[in-house]
C-alpha atoms as a PDB file:
ATOM      1  CA  UNK A   1     -75.957  49.701  37.942  1.00  0.00           C
ATOM      2  CA  UNK A   2     -76.826  52.956  36.269  1.00  0.00           C
ATOM      3  CA  UNK A   3     -74.582  54.711  33.816  1.00  0.00           C
ATOM      4  CA  UNK A   4     -73.718  58.065  35.373  1.00  0.00           C
ATOM      5  CA  UNK A   5     -71.328  60.862  34.571  1.00  0.00           C
ATOM      6  CA  UNK A   6     -69.802  60.342  38.034  1.00  0.00           C
ATOM      7  CA  UNK A   7     -68.416  56.948  36.976  1.00  0.00           C
ATOM      8  CA  UNK A   8     -66.270  57.363  33.854  1.00  0.00           C
ATOM      9  CA  UNK A   9     -66.343  54.668  31.189  1.00  0.00           C
ATOM     10  CA  UNK A  10     -63.032  53.809  29.596  1.00  0.00           C
ATOM     11  CA  UNK A  11     -62.489  53.091  25.907  1.00  0.00           C
ATOM     12  CA  UNK A  12     -59.163  51.544  24.927  1.00  0.00           C
ATOM     13  CA  UNK A  13     -58.866  51.920  21.152  1.00  0.00           C
ATOM     14  CA  UNK A  14     -60.782  54.941  19.880  1.00  0.00           C
ATOM     15  CA  UNK A  15     -61.585  54.004  16.277  1.00  0.00           C
ATOM     16  CA  UNK A  16     -64.913  53.475  14.508  1.00  0.00           C
ATOM     17  CA  UNK A  17     -66.374  51.091  17.103  1.00  0.00           C
ATOM     18  CA  UNK A  18     -64.839  52.594  20.230  1.00  0.00           C
ATOM     19  CA  UNK A  19     -65.601  56.108  19.022  1.00  0.00           C
ATOM     20  CA  UNK A  20     -69.215  55.283  18.163  1.00  0.00           C
ATOM     21  CA  UNK A  21     -69.724  53.631  21.553  1.00  0.00           C
ATOM     22  CA  UNK A  22     -68.248  56.705  23.254  1.00  0.00           C
ATOM     23  CA  UNK A  23     -70.390  59.137  21.242  1.00  0.00           C
ATOM     24  CA  UNK A  24     -73.543  57.170  22.008  1.00  0.00           C
ATOM     25  CA  UNK A  25     -72.919  57.257  25.753  1.00  0.00           C
ATOM     26  CA  UNK A  26     -71.685  60.836  25.823  1.00  0.00           C
ATOM     27  CA  UNK A  27     -74.953  61.935  24.193  1.00  0.00           C
ATOM     28  CA  UNK A  28     -76.674  61.007  27.473  1.00  0.00           C
ATOM     29  CA  UNK A  29     -74.119  62.780  29.641  1.00  0.00           C
ATOM     30  CA  UNK A  30     -71.785  59.890  30.361  1.00  0.00           C
ATOM     31  CA  UNK A  31     -68.141  60.802  30.981  1.00  0.00           C
ATOM     32  CA  UNK A  32     -65.724  58.944  28.678  1.00  0.00           C
ATOM     33  CA  UNK A  33     -61.979  58.518  29.115  1.00  0.00           C
ATOM     34  CA  UNK A  34     -60.229  57.200  26.026  1.00  0.00           C
ATOM     35  CA  UNK A  35     -56.789  55.755  25.528  1.00  0.00           C
ATOM     36  CA  UNK A  36     -55.099  55.032  22.224  1.00  0.00           C
ATOM     37  CA  UNK A  37     -51.520  54.512  21.101  1.00  0.00           C
ATOM     38  CA  UNK A  38     -52.164  57.014  18.291  1.00  0.00           C
ATOM     39  CA  UNK A  39     -51.882  60.610  19.441  1.00  0.00           C
ATOM     40  CA  UNK A  40     -53.727  61.648  16.279  1.00  0.00           C
ATOM     41  CA  UNK A  41     -56.686  59.404  17.146  1.00  0.00           C
ATOM     42  CA  UNK A  42     -56.759  60.926  20.629  1.00  0.00           C
ATOM     43  CA  UNK A  43     -56.690  64.440  19.189  1.00  0.00           C
ATOM     44  CA  UNK A  44     -59.505  63.604  16.781  1.00  0.00           C
ATOM     45  CA  UNK A  45     -61.590  61.988  19.531  1.00  0.00           C
ATOM     46  CA  UNK A  46     -61.394  65.147  21.612  1.00  0.00           C
ATOM     47  CA  UNK A  47     -62.109  67.358  18.619  1.00  0.00           C
ATOM     48  CA  UNK A  48     -65.165  65.286  17.668  1.00  0.00           C
ATOM     49  CA  UNK A  49     -66.495  65.168  21.219  1.00  0.00           C
ATOM     50  CA  UNK A  50     -66.081  61.398  21.516  1.00  0.00           C
ATOM     51  CA  UNK A  51     -64.229  61.674  24.840  1.00  0.00           C
ATOM     52  CA  UNK A  52     -63.804  63.992  27.801  1.00  0.00           C
ATOM     53  CA  UNK A  53     -60.147  63.015  28.010  1.00  0.00           C
ATOM     54  CA  UNK A  54     -57.966  61.050  25.592  1.00  0.00           C
ATOM     55  CA  UNK A  55     -54.296  60.135  25.717  1.00  0.00           C
ATOM     56  CA  UNK A  56     -51.855  57.277  25.416  1.00  0.00           C
ATOM     57  CA  UNK A  57     -51.745  56.993  29.214  1.00  0.00           C
ATOM     58  CA  UNK A  58     -53.350  53.659  30.134  1.00  0.00           C
ATOM     59  CA  UNK A  59     -53.242  54.530  33.837  1.00  0.00           C
ATOM     60  CA  UNK A  60     -55.918  57.153  33.166  1.00  0.00           C
ATOM     61  CA  UNK A  61     -58.405  54.293  32.757  1.00  0.00           C
ATOM     62  CA  UNK A  62     -57.923  53.248  36.387  1.00  0.00           C
ATOM     63  CA  UNK A  63     -60.763  55.516  37.550  1.00  0.00           C
ATOM     64  CA  UNK A  64     -63.247  53.952  35.109  1.00  0.00           C
ATOM     65  CA  UNK A  65     -66.067  51.700  36.284  1.00  0.00           C
ATOM     66  CA  UNK A  66     -66.008  49.805  32.978  1.00  0.00           C
ATOM     67  CA  UNK A  67     -63.439  49.479  30.207  1.00  0.00           C
ATOM     68  CA  UNK A  68     -64.209  48.618  26.575  1.00  0.00           C
ATOM     69  CA  UNK A  69     -61.272  47.156  24.637  1.00  0.00           C
ATOM     70  CA  UNK A  70     -61.998  48.250  21.054  1.00  0.00           C
ATOM     71  CA  UNK A  71     -58.669  47.604  19.346  1.00  0.00           C
ATOM     72  CA  UNK A  72     -58.267  45.511  16.171  1.00  0.00           C
ATOM     73  CA  UNK A  73     -58.540  41.801  17.121  1.00  0.00           C
ATOM     74  CA  UNK A  74     -54.844  41.127  16.610  1.00  0.00           C
ATOM     75  CA  UNK A  75     -53.924  43.920  19.018  1.00  0.00           C
ATOM     76  CA  UNK A  76     -56.388  42.833  21.725  1.00  0.00           C
ATOM     77  CA  UNK A  77     -54.018  40.672  23.787  1.00  0.00           C
ATOM     78  CA  UNK A  78     -51.232  43.245  23.678  1.00  0.00           C
ATOM     79  CA  UNK A  79     -53.582  46.075  24.664  1.00  0.00           C
ATOM     80  CA  UNK A  80     -55.216  44.069  27.449  1.00  0.00           C
ATOM     81  CA  UNK A  81     -51.858  42.985  28.862  1.00  0.00           C
ATOM     82  CA  UNK A  82     -50.571  46.567  28.793  1.00  0.00           C
ATOM     83  CA  UNK A  83     -53.694  47.842  30.557  1.00  0.00           C
ATOM     84  CA  UNK A  84     -53.433  45.106  33.162  1.00  0.00           C
ATOM     85  CA  UNK A  85     -49.763  45.853  33.740  1.00  0.00           C
ATOM     86  CA  UNK A  86     -50.520  49.574  34.120  1.00  0.00           C
ATOM     87  CA  UNK A  87     -53.102  48.843  36.827  1.00  0.00           C
ATOM     88  CA  UNK A  88     -55.841  50.284  34.624  1.00  0.00           C
ATOM     89  CA  UNK A  89     -58.294  47.423  35.202  1.00  0.00           C
ATOM     90  CA  UNK A  90     -58.052  46.756  38.930  1.00  0.00           C
ATOM     91  CA  UNK A  91     -61.296  48.469  39.938  1.00  0.00           C
ATOM     92  CA  UNK A  92     -63.324  48.098  36.744  1.00  0.00           C
ATOM     93  CA  UNK A  93     -66.643  46.343  37.352  1.00  0.00           C
ATOM     94  CA  UNK A  94     -66.490  44.956  33.825  1.00  0.00           C
ATOM     95  CA  UNK A  95     -63.896  44.634  31.066  1.00  0.00           C
ATOM     96  CA  UNK A  96     -65.420  43.893  27.673  1.00  0.00           C
ATOM     97  CA  UNK A  97     -64.511  43.855  24.003  1.00  0.00           C
ATOM     98  CA  UNK A  98     -66.133  44.409  20.604  1.00  0.00           C
ATOM     99  CA  UNK A  99     -64.318  41.991  18.311  1.00  0.00           C
ATOM    100  CA  UNK A 100     -65.745  39.879  15.483  1.00  0.00           C
ATOM    101  CA  UNK A 101     -64.205  36.621  16.697  1.00  0.00           C
ATOM    102  CA  UNK A 102     -64.740  35.375  20.217  1.00  0.00           C
ATOM    103  CA  UNK A 103     -63.122  32.029  21.044  1.00  0.00           C
ATOM    104  CA  UNK A 104     -59.498  33.172  20.771  1.00  0.00           C
ATOM    105  CA  UNK A 105     -60.278  36.498  22.430  1.00  0.00           C
ATOM    106  CA  UNK A 106     -61.776  34.787  25.486  1.00  0.00           C
ATOM    107  CA  UNK A 107     -58.784  32.446  25.750  1.00  0.00           C
ATOM    108  CA  UNK A 108     -56.405  35.411  25.629  1.00  0.00           C
ATOM    109  CA  UNK A 109     -58.431  37.294  28.236  1.00  0.00           C
ATOM    110  CA  UNK A 110     -58.455  34.298  30.577  1.00  0.00           C
ATOM    111  CA  UNK A 111     -54.670  33.926  30.339  1.00  0.00           C
ATOM    112  CA  UNK A 112     -53.924  37.621  30.846  1.00  0.00           C
ATOM    113  CA  UNK A 113     -56.497  38.507  33.499  1.00  0.00           C
ATOM    114  CA  UNK A 114     -56.305  35.444  35.718  1.00  0.00           C
ATOM    115  CA  UNK A 115     -58.737  35.842  38.597  1.00  0.00           C
ATOM    116  CA  UNK A 116     -59.987  39.090  37.092  1.00  0.00           C
ATOM    117  CA  UNK A 117     -61.230  37.130  34.069  1.00  0.00           C
ATOM    118  CA  UNK A 118     -64.587  36.708  35.824  1.00  0.00           C
ATOM    119  CA  UNK A 119     -65.157  40.404  35.116  1.00  0.00           C
ATOM    120  CA  UNK A 120     -64.495  39.983  31.395  1.00  0.00           C
ATOM    121  CA  UNK A 121     -67.431  39.781  28.977  1.00  0.00           C
ATOM    122  CA  UNK A 122     -66.858  38.881  25.323  1.00  0.00           C
ATOM    123  CA  UNK A 123     -69.067  40.995  23.054  1.00  0.00           C
ATOM    124  CA  UNK A 124     -69.636  41.617  19.347  1.00  0.00           C
ATOM    125  CA  UNK A 125     -71.818  44.527  18.174  1.00  0.00           C
ATOM    126  CA  UNK A 126     -73.269  43.658  14.751  1.00  0.00           C
ATOM    127  CA  UNK A 127     -72.704  47.123  13.348  1.00  0.00           C
ATOM    128  CA  UNK A 128     -70.078  48.924  11.357  1.00  0.00           C
ATOM    129  CA  UNK A 129     -69.254  50.414   8.005  1.00  0.00           C
ATOM    130  CA  UNK A 130     -66.527  50.007   5.424  1.00  0.00           C
ATOM    131  CA  UNK A 131     -64.926  53.144   6.910  1.00  0.00           C
ATOM    132  CA  UNK A 132     -62.457  53.116   9.782  1.00  0.00           C
ATOM    133  CA  UNK A 133     -61.041  55.459  12.381  1.00  0.00           C
ATOM    134  CA  UNK A 134     -62.699  57.702  14.933  1.00  0.00           C
ATOM    135  CA  UNK A 135     -63.564  60.290  12.256  1.00  0.00           C
ATOM    136  CA  UNK A 136     -66.045  57.715  10.878  1.00  0.00           C
ATOM    137  CA  UNK A 137     -67.679  57.218  14.301  1.00  0.00           C
ATOM    138  CA  UNK A 138     -71.433  57.812  14.673  1.00  0.00           C
ATOM    139  CA  UNK A 139     -73.503  58.100  17.828  1.00  0.00           C
ATOM    140  CA  UNK A 140     -76.284  56.034  16.207  1.00  0.00           C
ATOM    141  CA  UNK A 141     -74.076  53.221  14.873  1.00  0.00           C
ATOM    142  CA  UNK A 142     -75.507  50.663  17.336  1.00  0.00           C
ATOM    143  CA  UNK A 143     -79.102  51.901  17.358  1.00  0.00           C
ATOM    144  CA  UNK A 144     -81.414  48.877  17.018  1.00  0.00           C
ATOM    145  CA  UNK A 145     -78.440  46.650  16.115  1.00  0.00           C
ATOM    146  CA  UNK A 146     -77.830  43.291  17.687  1.00  0.00           C
ATOM    147  CA  UNK A 147     -74.989  42.992  20.163  1.00  0.00           C
ATOM    148  CA  UNK A 148     -73.882  39.400  20.681  1.00  0.00           C
ATOM    149  CA  UNK A 149     -72.724  38.716  24.226  1.00  0.00           C
ATOM    150  CA  UNK A 150     -70.812  35.492  24.933  1.00  0.00           C
ATOM    151  CA  UNK A 151     -70.569  34.766  28.670  1.00  0.00           C
ATOM    152  CA  UNK A 152     -69.163  31.502  29.989  1.00  0.00           C
ATOM    153  CA  UNK A 153     -69.339  29.603  33.274  1.00  0.00           C
ATOM    154  CA  UNK A 154     -66.790  31.914  34.904  1.00  0.00           C
ATOM    155  CA  UNK A 155     -68.486  35.190  33.985  1.00  0.00           C
ATOM    156  CA  UNK A 156     -69.577  37.246  36.993  1.00  0.00           C
ATOM    157  CA  UNK A 157     -73.347  37.896  36.637  1.00  0.00           C
ATOM    158  CA  UNK A 158     -72.849  41.496  37.790  1.00  0.00           C
ATOM    159  CA  UNK A 159     -70.206  42.089  35.119  1.00  0.00           C
ATOM    160  CA  UNK A 160     -72.470  40.525  32.488  1.00  0.00           C
ATOM    161  CA  UNK A 161     -75.376  42.743  33.530  1.00  0.00           C
ATOM    162  CA  UNK A 162     -73.147  45.820  33.415  1.00  0.00           C
ATOM    163  CA  UNK A 163     -71.843  45.047  29.920  1.00  0.00           C
ATOM    164  CA  UNK A 164     -75.349  44.423  28.613  1.00  0.00           C
ATOM    165  CA  UNK A 165     -76.618  47.628  30.240  1.00  0.00           C
ATOM    166  CA  UNK A 166     -73.876  49.672  28.577  1.00  0.00           C
ATOM    167  CA  UNK A 167     -74.523  48.218  25.113  1.00  0.00           C
ATOM    168  CA  UNK A 168     -78.243  48.826  25.606  1.00  0.00           C
ATOM    169  CA  UNK A 169     -77.479  52.429  26.578  1.00  0.00           C
ATOM    170  CA  UNK A 170     -75.585  52.724  23.265  1.00  0.00           C
ATOM    171  CA  UNK A 171     -78.719  51.547  21.447  1.00  0.00           C
ATOM    172  CA  UNK A 172     -77.913  47.857  21.015  1.00  0.00           C
ATOM    173  CA  UNK A 173     -80.255  44.881  21.307  1.00  0.00           C
ATOM    174  CA  UNK A 174     -78.689  42.117  23.368  1.00  0.00           C
ATOM    175  CA  UNK A 175     -78.439  38.516  22.177  1.00  0.00           C
ATOM    176  CA  UNK A 176     -76.513  35.899  24.169  1.00  0.00           C
ATOM    177  CA  UNK A 177     -74.581  33.156  22.411  1.00  0.00           C
ATOM    178  CA  UNK A 178     -71.876  30.580  23.061  1.00  0.00           C
ATOM    179  CA  UNK A 179     -68.515  31.833  21.764  1.00  0.00           C
ATOM    180  CA  UNK A 180     -67.843  28.738  19.623  1.00  0.00           C
ATOM    181  CA  UNK A 181     -71.296  28.967  18.050  1.00  0.00           C
ATOM    182  CA  UNK A 182     -70.700  32.665  17.437  1.00  0.00           C
ATOM    183  CA  UNK A 183     -67.479  32.031  15.546  1.00  0.00           C
ATOM    184  CA  UNK A 184     -69.038  29.259  13.463  1.00  0.00           C
ATOM    185  CA  UNK A 185     -72.039  31.368  12.434  1.00  0.00           C
ATOM    186  CA  UNK A 186     -70.187  34.596  11.761  1.00  0.00           C
ATOM    187  CA  UNK A 187     -67.591  32.843   9.640  1.00  0.00           C
ATOM    188  CA  UNK A 188     -70.435  32.354   7.138  1.00  0.00           C
ATOM    189  CA  UNK A 189     -72.599  35.465   7.487  1.00  0.00           C
ATOM    190  CA  UNK A 190     -69.880  38.075   8.046  1.00  0.00           C
ATOM    191  CA  UNK A 191     -66.336  36.865   7.518  1.00  0.00           C
ATOM    192  CA  UNK A 192     -66.985  34.988   4.260  1.00  0.00           C
ATOM    193  CA  UNK A 193     -68.746  37.906   2.495  1.00  0.00           C
ATOM    194  CA  UNK A 194     -65.760  40.144   3.226  1.00  0.00           C
ATOM    195  CA  UNK A 195     -63.386  37.591   1.726  1.00  0.00           C
ATOM    196  CA  UNK A 196     -65.559  37.298  -1.371  1.00  0.00           C
ATOM    197  CA  UNK A 197     -65.580  41.066  -1.845  1.00  0.00           C
ATOM    198  CA  UNK A 198     -61.805  41.306  -1.423  1.00  0.00           C
ATOM    199  CA  UNK A 199     -61.242  38.386  -3.815  1.00  0.00           C
ATOM    200  CA  UNK A 200     -63.513  39.786  -6.523  1.00  0.00           C
ATOM    201  CA  UNK A 201     -61.821  43.199  -6.542  1.00  0.00           C
ATOM    202  CA  UNK A 202     -58.403  41.507  -6.597  1.00  0.00           C
ATOM    203  CA  UNK A 203     -59.451  39.217  -9.437  1.00  0.00           C
ATOM    204  CA  UNK A 204     -60.882  41.928 -11.671  1.00  0.00           C
ATOM    205  CA  UNK A 205     -58.652  44.909 -11.030  1.00  0.00           C
ATOM    206  CA  UNK A 206     -55.414  42.935 -11.298  1.00  0.00           C
ATOM    207  CA  UNK A 207     -56.465  41.203 -14.524  1.00  0.00           C
ATOM    208  CA  UNK A 208     -55.035  41.981 -17.981  1.00  0.00           C
ATOM    209  CA  UNK A 209     -58.286  43.834 -18.732  1.00  0.00           C
ATOM    210  CA  UNK A 210     -58.183  45.853 -15.516  1.00  0.00           C
ATOM    211  CA  UNK A 211     -58.580  49.253 -17.174  1.00  0.00           C
ATOM    212  CA  UNK A 212     -61.707  48.151 -19.054  1.00  0.00           C
ATOM    213  CA  UNK A 213     -63.008  46.455 -15.916  1.00  0.00           C
ATOM    214  CA  UNK A 214     -62.657  49.711 -13.990  1.00  0.00           C
ATOM    215  CA  UNK A 215     -64.347  51.640 -16.799  1.00  0.00           C
ATOM    216  CA  UNK A 216     -67.420  49.460 -17.054  1.00  0.00           C
ATOM    217  CA  UNK A 217     -67.917  48.204 -13.485  1.00  0.00           C
ATOM    218  CA  UNK A 218     -71.131  49.841 -12.301  1.00  0.00           C
ATOM    219  CA  UNK A 219     -73.490  49.955  -9.308  1.00  0.00           C
ATOM    220  CA  UNK A 220     -73.897  46.187  -9.006  1.00  0.00           C
ATOM    221  CA  UNK A 221     -70.142  45.736  -8.654  1.00  0.00           C
ATOM    222  CA  UNK A 222     -69.983  48.727  -6.306  1.00  0.00           C
ATOM    223  CA  UNK A 223     -72.691  47.355  -4.025  1.00  0.00           C
ATOM    224  CA  UNK A 224     -71.278  43.816  -3.968  1.00  0.00           C
ATOM    225  CA  UNK A 225     -67.758  44.999  -3.154  1.00  0.00           C
ATOM    226  CA  UNK A 226     -68.527  47.846  -0.723  1.00  0.00           C
ATOM    227  CA  UNK A 227     -67.053  45.951   2.210  1.00  0.00           C
ATOM    228  CA  UNK A 228     -63.756  45.459   0.379  1.00  0.00           C
ATOM    229  CA  UNK A 229     -63.002  49.010   1.548  1.00  0.00           C
ATOM    230  CA  UNK A 230     -62.966  47.737   5.162  1.00  0.00           C
ATOM    231  CA  UNK A 231     -59.954  47.961   7.459  1.00  0.00           C
ATOM    232  CA  UNK A 232     -57.344  45.429   6.217  1.00  0.00           C
ATOM    233  CA  UNK A 233     -55.723  45.121   9.658  1.00  0.00           C
ATOM    234  CA  UNK A 234     -58.991  44.049  11.240  1.00  0.00           C
ATOM    235  CA  UNK A 235     -59.871  41.519   8.540  1.00  0.00           C
ATOM    236  CA  UNK A 236     -56.385  40.022   8.531  1.00  0.00           C
ATOM    237  CA  UNK A 237     -56.755  39.459  12.283  1.00  0.00           C
ATOM    238  CA  UNK A 238     -60.245  37.983  11.991  1.00  0.00           C
ATOM    239  CA  UNK A 239     -59.114  35.505   9.322  1.00  0.00           C
ATOM    240  CA  UNK A 240     -56.251  34.320  11.497  1.00  0.00           C
ATOM    241  CA  UNK A 241     -58.313  34.097  14.672  1.00  0.00           C
ATOM    242  CA  UNK A 242     -61.254  32.248  13.139  1.00  0.00           C
ATOM    243  CA  UNK A 243     -59.337  30.290  10.504  1.00  0.00           C
ATOM    244  CA  UNK A 244     -60.948  26.860  10.918  1.00  0.00           C
ATOM    245  CA  UNK A 245     -64.512  28.119  10.656  1.00  0.00           C
ATOM    246  CA  UNK A 246     -63.696  30.435   7.757  1.00  0.00           C
ATOM    247  CA  UNK A 247     -62.013  27.637   5.806  1.00  0.00           C
ATOM    248  CA  UNK A 248     -65.095  25.447   6.308  1.00  0.00           C
ATOM    249  CA  UNK A 249     -67.329  28.288   5.070  1.00  0.00           C
ATOM    250  CA  UNK A 250     -65.074  28.840   2.055  1.00  0.00           C
ATOM    251  CA  UNK A 251     -65.153  25.141   1.178  1.00  0.00           C
ATOM    252  CA  UNK A 252     -68.951  25.089   1.346  1.00  0.00           C
ATOM    253  CA  UNK A 253     -69.203  28.195  -0.845  1.00  0.00           C
ATOM    254  CA  UNK A 254     -66.696  26.852  -3.386  1.00  0.00           C
ATOM    255  CA  UNK A 255     -68.827  23.716  -3.714  1.00  0.00           C
ATOM    256  CA  UNK A 256     -71.834  25.887  -4.592  1.00  0.00           C
ATOM    257  CA  UNK A 257     -69.743  27.741  -7.177  1.00  0.00           C
ATOM    258  CA  UNK A 258     -68.715  24.425  -8.689  1.00  0.00           C
ATOM    259  CA  UNK A 259     -72.385  23.452  -8.952  1.00  0.00           C
ATOM    260  CA  UNK A 260     -73.030  26.665 -10.863  1.00  0.00           C
ATOM    261  CA  UNK A 261     -70.014  26.149 -13.086  1.00  0.00           C
ATOM    262  CA  UNK A 262     -71.173  22.667 -14.038  1.00  0.00           C
ATOM    263  CA  UNK A 263     -74.714  23.851 -14.776  1.00  0.00           C
ATOM    264  CA  UNK A 264     -73.367  26.574 -17.065  1.00  0.00           C
ATOM    265  CA  UNK A 265     -70.924  24.202 -18.737  1.00  0.00           C
ATOM    266  CA  UNK A 266     -73.726  21.675 -19.319  1.00  0.00           C
ATOM    267  CA  UNK A 267     -76.048  24.425 -20.599  1.00  0.00           C
ATOM    268  CA  UNK A 268     -78.559  23.281 -17.989  1.00  0.00           C
ATOM    269  CA  UNK A 269     -81.050  26.122 -18.307  1.00  0.00           C
ATOM    270  CA  UNK A 270     -83.637  24.479 -16.058  1.00  0.00           C
ATOM    271  CA  UNK A 271     -81.215  23.965 -13.184  1.00  0.00           C
ATOM    272  CA  UNK A 272     -79.985  27.557 -13.416  1.00  0.00           C
ATOM    273  CA  UNK A 273     -83.519  28.942 -13.530  1.00  0.00           C
ATOM    274  CA  UNK A 274     -84.634  26.859 -10.552  1.00  0.00           C
ATOM    275  CA  UNK A 275     -81.582  27.859  -8.526  1.00  0.00           C
ATOM    276  CA  UNK A 276     -81.870  31.562  -9.266  1.00  0.00           C
ATOM    277  CA  UNK A 277     -85.607  31.573  -8.588  1.00  0.00           C
ATOM    278  CA  UNK A 278     -85.244  29.666  -5.334  1.00  0.00           C
ATOM    279  CA  UNK A 279     -82.440  31.881  -4.088  1.00  0.00           C
ATOM    280  CA  UNK A 280     -84.299  35.069  -5.009  1.00  0.00           C
ATOM    281  CA  UNK A 281     -87.253  33.927  -2.906  1.00  0.00           C
ATOM    282  CA  UNK A 282     -84.943  33.032  -0.002  1.00  0.00           C
ATOM    283  CA  UNK A 283     -83.265  36.432  -0.082  1.00  0.00           C
ATOM    284  CA  UNK A 284     -86.509  38.381  -0.462  1.00  0.00           C
ATOM    285  CA  UNK A 285     -88.005  36.487   2.468  1.00  0.00           C
ATOM    286  CA  UNK A 286     -84.950  37.275   4.594  1.00  0.00           C
ATOM    287  CA  UNK A 287     -84.982  40.953   3.578  1.00  0.00           C
ATOM    288  CA  UNK A 288     -88.610  41.265   4.638  1.00  0.00           C
ATOM    289  CA  UNK A 289     -87.607  40.190   8.145  1.00  0.00           C
ATOM    290  CA  UNK A 290     -84.779  42.717   8.488  1.00  0.00           C
ATOM    291  CA  UNK A 291     -84.584  46.387   9.410  1.00  0.00           C
ATOM    292  CA  UNK A 292     -81.865  48.018   7.364  1.00  0.00           C
ATOM    293  CA  UNK A 293     -81.122  51.692   6.950  1.00  0.00           C
ATOM    294  CA  UNK A 294     -81.707  52.829   3.389  1.00  0.00           C
END
């Protein structure tokens, strides 16, 4: 199943993720047809070279051999149902998504697609920035980044292979995972950090000393809270879709904060020193294993 310009790839939702996927494939000559409810996003996608054609017409996706649904998670079911109703998915070899939560997405896809659900592949590219919209899209966004793929017993092997081939063509490194395990893990390593960043900015900049806080907050605060500039629509949807796992992660984190609070209150210098030293070593060891852009 090669990716060729003779078989257009459809992108429904042409924002940061959909636009970056489109740019990555277009750089190798692949034809991309985009659809988005925002006429401005379509205009920008064409202007930036992220699509060969872009409009609000879902029926235009009917000629595509594969369709990526790259809407915010809360809009996924509505977008998928509209595409299905418009006949845009009838001939697609694979229908796949790019959302950060998987269990609810797969349940929605199964209900909407029926028999065609076997062609659906739940996916999550581990890439992004705090920016949003197609104007923030980058052709190299997925280069050497993991893409989690969550097939189930009903997934057509040919559809799975096609989805993985397309993400690989965009630069991703494929990792398969059960959807429930995905949601449990990413509640801690992705969803929780975003909540912490949002909460810290809210706590400081809505405090009585907000003006002084803003004046003296420096690079450490900036780096810690970078992801609080992320798309609020997307993170609202993720919190609602993965609520149980996120609550469990929050409870675990709050218990660690309480441990720290007690150590400080008790003036337990040894406990604080041991904790900070141990955690520094853990983080440094993890960093040495990673490949991050500077």
